[in-house]
Amino acid sequence: MPKNKTHKGTAKRVRTTGSGKLMRQQAGLRHRLEVKSRKEKRDLSGVVDVAKPDVKRVKKLLGR
């Protein structure tokens, strides 16, 4: 049985912390920025946890 391959698209979007949590960038900060308020842009700029229902699927894509 061959080894599972890492899904490179997911690997570029999701980072694993030292404790094993999955972190991702928030969506909505690529275009139409002049319409969004400063606060909205600030709030979107950080990294957040991957949603709990998605963690199992994303870990499988990353080969973990």
PDB file of N, CA and C in Angstrom:
ATOM      1  N   MET A   1       0.855  -1.188   0.000  1.00  0.00           N
ATOM      2  CA  MET A   1       0.000   0.000   0.000  1.00  0.00           C
ATOM      3  C   MET A   1       0.894   1.243   0.000  1.00  0.00           C
ATOM      4  N   PRO A   2       0.698   2.164  -0.978  1.00  0.00           N
ATOM      5  CA  PRO A   2       1.546   3.364  -1.018  1.00  0.00           C
ATOM      6  C   PRO A   2       1.219   4.330   0.115  1.00  0.00           C
ATOM      7  N   LYS A   3       2.183   5.179   0.420  1.00  0.00           N
ATOM      8  CA  LYS A   3       1.975   6.181   1.459  1.00  0.00           C
ATOM      9  C   LYS A   3       0.977   7.225   0.974  1.00  0.00           C
ATOM     10  N   ASN A   4       0.289   7.866   1.939  1.00  0.00           N
ATOM     11  CA  ASN A   4      -0.613   8.968   1.585  1.00  0.00           C
ATOM     12  C   ASN A   4       0.208  10.198   1.252  1.00  0.00           C
ATOM     13  N   LYS A   5      -0.231  10.945   0.247  1.00  0.00           N
ATOM     14  CA  LYS A   5       0.466  12.170  -0.119  1.00  0.00           C
ATOM     15  C   LYS A   5      -0.178  13.358   0.583  1.00  0.00           C
ATOM     16  N   THR A   6       0.657  14.326   0.942  1.00  0.00           N
ATOM     17  CA  THR A   6       0.163  15.565   1.526  1.00  0.00           C
ATOM     18  C   THR A   6      -0.566  16.351   0.450  1.00  0.00           C
ATOM     19  N   HIS A   7      -1.721  16.901   0.795  1.00  0.00           N
ATOM     20  CA  HIS A   7      -2.466  17.757  -0.133  1.00  0.00           C
ATOM     21  C   HIS A   7      -1.815  19.138  -0.092  1.00  0.00           C
ATOM     22  N   LYS A   8      -1.073  19.486  -1.157  1.00  0.00           N
ATOM     23  CA  LYS A   8      -0.244  20.688  -1.149  1.00  0.00           C
ATOM     24  C   LYS A   8      -1.058  21.971  -1.049  1.00  0.00           C
ATOM     25  N   GLY A   9      -2.269  21.979  -1.615  1.00  0.00           N
ATOM     26  CA  GLY A   9      -3.117  23.171  -1.505  1.00  0.00           C
ATOM     27  C   GLY A   9      -3.479  23.466  -0.064  1.00  0.00           C
ATOM     28  N   THR A  10      -3.772  22.413   0.697  1.00  0.00           N
ATOM     29  CA  THR A  10      -4.100  22.573   2.105  1.00  0.00           C
ATOM     30  C   THR A  10      -2.854  22.934   2.901  1.00  0.00           C
ATOM     31  N   ALA A  11      -1.729  22.327   2.567  1.00  0.00           N
ATOM     32  CA  ALA A  11      -0.485  22.578   3.299  1.00  0.00           C
ATOM     33  C   ALA A  11      -0.069  24.042   3.210  1.00  0.00           C
ATOM     34  N   LYS A  12      -0.381  24.692   2.087  1.00  0.00           N
ATOM     35  CA  LYS A  12      -0.026  26.102   1.917  1.00  0.00           C
ATOM     36  C   LYS A  12      -0.945  27.017   2.704  1.00  0.00           C
ATOM     37  N   ARG A  13      -2.132  26.540   3.061  1.00  0.00           N
ATOM     38  CA  ARG A  13      -3.124  27.380   3.718  1.00  0.00           C
ATOM     39  C   ARG A  13      -3.217  27.180   5.217  1.00  0.00           C
ATOM     40  N   VAL A  14      -2.762  26.039   5.706  1.00  0.00           N
ATOM     41  CA  VAL A  14      -2.947  25.697   7.118  1.00  0.00           C
ATOM     42  C   VAL A  14      -1.595  25.434   7.751  1.00  0.00           C
ATOM     43  N   ARG A  15      -1.388  25.986   8.956  1.00  0.00           N
ATOM     44  CA  ARG A  15      -0.152  25.758   9.711  1.00  0.00           C
ATOM     45  C   ARG A  15      -0.479  25.008  10.991  1.00  0.00           C
ATOM     46  N   THR A  16       0.424  24.158  11.416  1.00  0.00           N
ATOM     47  CA  THR A  16       0.255  23.414  12.660  1.00  0.00           C
ATOM     48  C   THR A  16       1.104  24.072  13.737  1.00  0.00           C
ATOM     49  N   THR A  17       0.528  24.311  14.907  1.00  0.00           N
ATOM     50  CA  THR A  17       1.276  24.883  16.023  1.00  0.00           C
ATOM     51  C   THR A  17       2.065  23.780  16.718  1.00  0.00           C
ATOM     52  N   GLY A  18       2.889  24.170  17.653  1.00  0.00           N
ATOM     53  CA  GLY A  18       3.686  23.191  18.393  1.00  0.00           C
ATOM     54  C   GLY A  18       2.825  22.213  19.167  1.00  0.00           C
ATOM     55  N   SER A  19       1.668  22.685  19.638  1.00  0.00           N
ATOM     56  CA  SER A  19       0.782  21.807  20.405  1.00  0.00           C
ATOM     57  C   SER A  19      -0.123  20.971  19.512  1.00  0.00           C
ATOM     58  N   GLY A  20      -0.054  21.208  18.186  1.00  0.00           N
ATOM     59  CA  GLY A  20      -0.839  20.390  17.268  1.00  0.00           C
ATOM     60  C   GLY A  20      -2.128  21.020  16.784  1.00  0.00           C
ATOM     61  N   LYS A  21      -2.393  22.275  17.211  1.00  0.00           N
ATOM     62  CA  LYS A  21      -3.586  22.966  16.724  1.00  0.00           C
ATOM     63  C   LYS A  21      -3.381  23.378  15.278  1.00  0.00           C
ATOM     64  N   LEU A  22      -4.479  23.451  14.519  1.00  0.00           N
ATOM     65  CA  LEU A  22      -4.412  23.882  13.128  1.00  0.00           C
ATOM     66  C   LEU A  22      -4.870  25.333  13.039  1.00  0.00           C
ATOM     67  N   MET A  23      -4.056  26.177  12.418  1.00  0.00           N
ATOM     68  CA  MET A  23      -4.360  27.597  12.298  1.00  0.00           C
ATOM     69  C   MET A  23      -4.491  27.954  10.822  1.00  0.00           C
ATOM     70  N   ARG A  24      -5.400  28.887  10.513  1.00  0.00           N
ATOM     71  CA  ARG A  24      -5.605  29.318   9.133  1.00  0.00           C
ATOM     72  C   ARG A  24      -5.819  30.828   9.108  1.00  0.00           C
ATOM     73  N   GLN A  25      -5.599  31.420   7.937  1.00  0.00           N
ATOM     74  CA  GLN A  25      -5.857  32.837   7.725  1.00  0.00           C
ATOM     75  C   GLN A  25      -7.345  33.024   7.476  1.00  0.00           C
ATOM     76  N   GLN A  26      -7.896  34.158   7.892  1.00  0.00           N
ATOM     77  CA  GLN A  26      -9.308  34.407   7.637  1.00  0.00           C
ATOM     78  C   GLN A  26      -9.518  34.898   6.210  1.00  0.00           C
ATOM     79  N   ALA A  27     -10.679  34.590   5.664  1.00  0.00           N
ATOM     80  CA  ALA A  27     -11.013  35.016   4.307  1.00  0.00           C
ATOM     81  C   ALA A  27     -11.552  36.438   4.325  1.00  0.00           C
ATOM     82  N   GLY A  28     -11.543  37.078   3.159  1.00  0.00           N
ATOM     83  CA  GLY A  28     -12.186  38.378   3.025  1.00  0.00           C
ATOM     84  C   GLY A  28     -11.245  39.557   3.025  1.00  0.00           C
ATOM     85  N   LEU A  29      -9.947  39.328   2.861  1.00  0.00           N
ATOM     86  CA  LEU A  29      -8.990  40.433   2.925  1.00  0.00           C
ATOM     87  C   LEU A  29      -8.188  40.544   1.629  1.00  0.00           C
ATOM     88  N   ARG A  30      -8.798  40.171   0.507  1.00  0.00           N
ATOM     89  CA  ARG A  30      -8.079  40.175  -0.762  1.00  0.00           C
ATOM     90  C   ARG A  30      -8.516  41.293  -1.701  1.00  0.00           C
ATOM     91  N   HIS A  31      -9.783  41.682  -1.655  1.00  0.00           N
ATOM     92  CA  HIS A  31     -10.248  42.742  -2.566  1.00  0.00           C
ATOM     93  C   HIS A  31     -11.397  43.485  -1.909  1.00  0.00           C
ATOM     94  N   ARG A  32     -11.802  44.601  -2.563  1.00  0.00           N
ATOM     95  CA  ARG A  32     -12.853  45.497  -2.030  1.00  0.00           C
ATOM     96  C   ARG A  32     -12.485  46.032  -0.655  1.00  0.00           C
ATOM     97  N   LEU A  33     -11.213  46.283  -0.436  1.00  0.00           N
ATOM     98  CA  LEU A  33     -10.770  46.722   0.889  1.00  0.00           C
ATOM     99  C   LEU A  33     -11.188  48.151   1.189  1.00  0.00           C
ATOM    100  N   GLU A  34     -11.397  48.958   0.144  1.00  0.00           N
ATOM    101  CA  GLU A  34     -11.797  50.346   0.395  1.00  0.00           C
ATOM    102  C   GLU A  34     -13.212  50.433   0.954  1.00  0.00           C
ATOM    103  N   VAL A  35     -13.989  49.366   0.781  1.00  0.00           N
ATOM    104  CA  VAL A  35     -15.365  49.346   1.287  1.00  0.00           C
ATOM    105  C   VAL A  35     -15.399  48.965   2.765  1.00  0.00           C
ATOM    106  N   LYS A  36     -14.429  48.191   3.208  1.00  0.00           N
ATOM    107  CA  LYS A  36     -14.425  47.662   4.571  1.00  0.00           C
ATOM    108  C   LYS A  36     -13.819  48.668   5.543  1.00  0.00           C
ATOM    109  N   SER A  37     -14.339  48.650   6.749  1.00  0.00           N
ATOM    110  CA  SER A  37     -13.847  49.579   7.772  1.00  0.00           C
ATOM    111  C   SER A  37     -12.472  49.134   8.263  1.00  0.00           C
ATOM    112  N   ARG A  38     -11.759  50.060   8.915  1.00  0.00           N
ATOM    113  CA  ARG A  38     -10.439  49.720   9.474  1.00  0.00           C
ATOM    114  C   ARG A  38     -10.554  48.571  10.459  1.00  0.00           C
ATOM    115  N   LYS A  39     -11.583  48.636  11.295  1.00  0.00           N
ATOM    116  CA  LYS A  39     -11.770  47.586  12.308  1.00  0.00           C
ATOM    117  C   LYS A  39     -11.983  46.226  11.645  1.00  0.00           C
ATOM    118  N   GLU A  40     -12.802  46.203  10.605  1.00  0.00           N
ATOM    119  CA  GLU A  40     -13.088  44.955   9.908  1.00  0.00           C
ATOM    120  C   GLU A  40     -11.798  44.365   9.315  1.00  0.00           C
ATOM    121  N   LYS A  41     -10.979  45.232   8.707  1.00  0.00           N
ATOM    122  CA  LYS A  41      -9.721  44.764   8.108  1.00  0.00           C
ATOM    123  C   LYS A  41      -8.755  44.268   9.190  1.00  0.00           C
ATOM    124  N   ARG A  42      -8.705  44.952  10.308  1.00  0.00           N
ATOM    125  CA  ARG A  42      -7.849  44.523  11.420  1.00  0.00           C
ATOM    126  C   ARG A  42      -8.288  43.158  11.943  1.00  0.00           C
ATOM    127  N   ASP A  43      -9.609  43.015  12.116  1.00  0.00           N
ATOM    128  CA  ASP A  43     -10.132  41.761  12.669  1.00  0.00           C
ATOM    129  C   ASP A  43      -9.903  40.584  11.721  1.00  0.00           C
ATOM    130  N   LEU A  44      -9.910  40.848  10.410  1.00  0.00           N
ATOM    131  CA  LEU A  44      -9.705  39.777   9.437  1.00  0.00           C
ATOM    132  C   LEU A  44      -8.233  39.417   9.264  1.00  0.00           C
ATOM    133  N   SER A  45      -7.334  40.274   9.759  1.00  0.00           N
ATOM    134  CA  SER A  45      -5.919  40.089   9.453  1.00  0.00           C
ATOM    135  C   SER A  45      -5.252  38.982  10.269  1.00  0.00           C
ATOM    136  N   GLY A  46      -5.836  38.586  11.375  1.00  0.00           N
ATOM    137  CA  GLY A  46      -5.186  37.593  12.226  1.00  0.00           C
ATOM    138  C   GLY A  46      -5.400  36.169  11.761  1.00  0.00           C
ATOM    139  N   VAL A  47      -4.741  35.241  12.442  1.00  0.00           N
ATOM    140  CA  VAL A  47      -4.964  33.819  12.165  1.00  0.00           C
ATOM    141  C   VAL A  47      -5.941  33.265  13.194  1.00  0.00           C
ATOM    142  N   VAL A  48      -6.726  32.286  12.783  1.00  0.00           N
ATOM    143  CA  VAL A  48      -7.731  31.682  13.653  1.00  0.00           C
ATOM    144  C   VAL A  48      -7.617  30.157  13.578  1.00  0.00           C
ATOM    145  N   ASP A  49      -8.235  29.490  14.540  1.00  0.00           N
ATOM    146  CA  ASP A  49      -8.258  28.030  14.533  1.00  0.00           C
ATOM    147  C   ASP A  49      -9.119  27.534  13.376  1.00  0.00           C
ATOM    148  N   VAL A  50      -8.771  26.355  12.869  1.00  0.00           N
ATOM    149  CA  VAL A  50      -9.637  25.678  11.904  1.00  0.00           C
ATOM    150  C   VAL A  50     -10.879  25.224  12.673  1.00  0.00           C
ATOM    151  N   ALA A  51     -12.050  25.345  12.064  1.00  0.00           N
ATOM    152  CA  ALA A  51     -13.310  24.987  12.724  1.00  0.00           C
ATOM    153  C   ALA A  51     -13.280  23.524  13.170  1.00  0.00           C
ATOM    154  N   LYS A  52     -13.853  23.266  14.341  1.00  0.00           N
ATOM    155  CA  LYS A  52     -13.807  21.934  14.939  1.00  0.00           C
ATOM    156  C   LYS A  52     -14.323  20.827  14.010  1.00  0.00           C
ATOM    157  N   PRO A  53     -15.451  21.053  13.280  1.00  0.00           N
ATOM    158  CA  PRO A  53     -15.922  19.978  12.388  1.00  0.00           C
ATOM    159  C   PRO A  53     -14.960  19.671  11.237  1.00  0.00           C
ATOM    160  N   ASP A  54     -14.065  20.617  10.909  1.00  0.00           N
ATOM    161  CA  ASP A  54     -13.160  20.437   9.774  1.00  0.00           C
ATOM    162  C   ASP A  54     -11.807  19.842  10.166  1.00  0.00           C
ATOM    163  N   VAL A  55     -11.488  19.811  11.445  1.00  0.00           N
ATOM    164  CA  VAL A  55     -10.140  19.432  11.889  1.00  0.00           C
ATOM    165  C   VAL A  55      -9.758  18.031  11.428  1.00  0.00           C
ATOM    166  N   LYS A  56     -10.645  17.071  11.576  1.00  0.00           N
ATOM    167  CA  LYS A  56     -10.337  15.692  11.215  1.00  0.00           C
ATOM    168  C   LYS A  56     -10.006  15.580   9.721  1.00  0.00           C
ATOM    169  N   ARG A  57     -10.815  16.246   8.899  1.00  0.00           N
ATOM    170  CA  ARG A  57     -10.629  16.197   7.449  1.00  0.00           C
ATOM    171  C   ARG A  57      -9.326  16.884   7.041  1.00  0.00           C
ATOM    172  N   VAL A  58      -9.037  18.037   7.642  1.00  0.00           N
ATOM    173  CA  VAL A  58      -7.812  18.772   7.289  1.00  0.00           C
ATOM    174  C   VAL A  58      -6.579  17.998   7.732  1.00  0.00           C
ATOM    175  N   LYS A  59      -6.628  17.378   8.897  1.00  0.00           N
ATOM    176  CA  LYS A  59      -5.492  16.593   9.361  1.00  0.00           C
ATOM    177  C   LYS A  59      -5.210  15.436   8.401  1.00  0.00           C
ATOM    178  N   LYS A  60      -6.261  14.820   7.882  1.00  0.00           N
ATOM    179  CA  LYS A  60      -6.085  13.732   6.923  1.00  0.00           C
ATOM    180  C   LYS A  60      -5.429  14.248   5.641  1.00  0.00           C
ATOM    181  N   LEU A  61      -5.848  15.446   5.198  1.00  0.00           N
ATOM    182  CA  LEU A  61      -5.249  16.042   3.998  1.00  0.00           C
ATOM    183  C   LEU A  61      -3.766  16.363   4.211  1.00  0.00           C
ATOM    184  N   LEU A  62      -3.416  16.720   5.455  1.00  0.00           N
ATOM    185  CA  LEU A  62      -2.015  17.043   5.760  1.00  0.00           C
ATOM    186  C   LEU A  62      -1.184  15.803   6.056  1.00  0.00           C
ATOM    187  N   GLY A  63      -1.829  14.652   6.107  1.00  0.00           N
ATOM    188  CA  GLY A  63      -1.103  13.417   6.375  1.00  0.00           C
ATOM    189  C   GLY A  63      -0.764  13.231   7.842  1.00  0.00           C
ATOM    190  N   ARG A  64      -1.589  13.746   8.725  1.00  0.00           N
ATOM    191  CA  ARG A  64      -1.343  13.633  10.182  1.00  0.00           C
ATOM    192  C   ARG A  64      -2.326  12.665  10.809  1.00  0.00           C
TER     193      ARG A  64
END
